[in-house]
Amino acid sequence: MFKGQAGEVSSKRVVGVIGALVLFGTMVANSFSAEEIAPSAELVAAVEWITIMCLGFTSVEKFAKGGEGGAKEQE
């Protein structure tokens, strides 16, 4: 799950999954806690965007590499 096409560990995938787990944990914890101890909205938004970007870039790279190989084979 964390490895790229060449078999190396992808830091973007690791950061994305950890960020998603932190967001899920924060949302669950906030459901059962008082509003005064909730993290700031800016902090949650920052972790959210980092997670989205890491997982999004990983997906784009995967399809971009596959698309380049297909274009070279057709020529």
Protein backbone atom coordinates (compact mmCIF):
# COMPACT_ATOMS: atom_id res chain seq x y z
CA MET A 1 0.00 0.00 0.00
CA PHE A 2 2.87 2.39 0.75
CA LYS A 3 5.17 1.24 -2.06
CA GLY A 4 5.49 2.84 -5.47
CA GLN A 5 5.88 1.13 -8.83
CA ALA A 6 9.61 0.55 -8.32
CA GLY A 7 9.05 -0.99 -4.89
CA GLU A 8 10.31 1.94 -2.81
CA VAL A 9 8.26 3.42 0.03
CA SER A 10 6.44 6.57 -1.10
CA SER A 11 6.70 9.37 1.45
CA LYS A 12 3.63 11.07 -0.05
CA ARG A 13 1.54 7.98 0.60
CA VAL A 14 2.82 7.63 4.15
CA VAL A 15 2.17 11.31 4.95
CA GLY A 16 -1.25 11.15 3.27
CA VAL A 17 -2.40 8.09 5.19
CA ILE A 18 -1.07 9.41 8.51
CA GLY A 19 -2.81 12.74 7.84
CA ALA A 20 -6.08 10.97 7.06
CA LEU A 21 -5.84 8.93 10.27
CA VAL A 22 -5.14 12.08 12.29
CA LEU A 23 -8.16 13.81 10.73
CA PHE A 24 -10.41 10.82 11.44
CA GLY A 25 -9.15 10.63 15.03
CA THR A 26 -9.64 14.37 15.53
CA MET A 27 -13.20 14.23 14.25
CA VAL A 28 -14.07 11.27 16.47
CA ALA A 29 -12.45 12.91 19.52
CA ASN A 30 -14.27 16.19 18.85
CA SER A 31 -17.58 14.34 18.70
CA PHE A 32 -17.22 13.34 22.34
CA SER A 33 -15.42 16.37 23.80
CA ALA A 34 -16.38 19.91 24.74
CA GLU A 35 -16.14 22.61 22.10
CA GLU A 36 -13.64 24.64 24.13
CA ILE A 37 -10.84 22.07 23.69
CA ALA A 38 -11.35 21.51 19.96
CA PRO A 39 -8.39 22.32 17.67
CA SER A 40 -8.59 25.49 15.62
CA ALA A 41 -10.36 25.32 12.27
CA GLU A 42 -7.19 26.54 10.53
CA LEU A 43 -5.15 23.65 11.92
CA VAL A 44 -7.70 21.09 10.81
CA ALA A 45 -7.91 22.71 7.36
CA ALA A 46 -4.09 22.65 7.03
CA VAL A 47 -3.89 18.93 7.83
CA GLU A 48 -6.80 18.31 5.46
CA TRP A 49 -5.09 20.08 2.54
CA ILE A 50 -1.75 18.36 3.16
CA THR A 51 -3.54 15.00 3.13
CA ILE A 52 -5.50 15.80 -0.04
CA MET A 53 -2.39 17.03 -1.85
CA CYS A 54 -0.21 14.06 -0.85
CA LEU A 55 -2.75 11.46 -1.93
CA GLY A 56 -3.73 13.47 -5.03
CA PHE A 57 -0.14 13.86 -6.23
CA THR A 58 0.47 10.16 -5.71
CA SER A 59 -2.53 9.34 -7.89
CA VAL A 60 -1.54 11.81 -10.60
CA GLU A 61 2.02 10.44 -10.73
CA LYS A 62 0.75 6.89 -11.06
CA PHE A 63 -1.46 7.69 -14.04
CA ALA A 64 1.03 10.09 -15.65
CA LYS A 65 3.78 7.44 -15.68
CA GLY A 66 1.39 4.88 -17.17
CA GLY A 67 0.23 7.33 -19.82
CA GLU A 68 3.76 8.19 -20.97
CA GLY A 69 4.66 4.56 -21.56
CA GLY A 70 1.53 4.02 -23.64
CA ALA A 71 2.26 7.03 -25.85
CA LYS A 72 5.80 5.86 -26.56
CA GLU A 73 4.64 2.39 -27.55
CA GLN A 74 2.20 3.78 -30.15
CA GLU A 75 4.88 5.75 -32.03
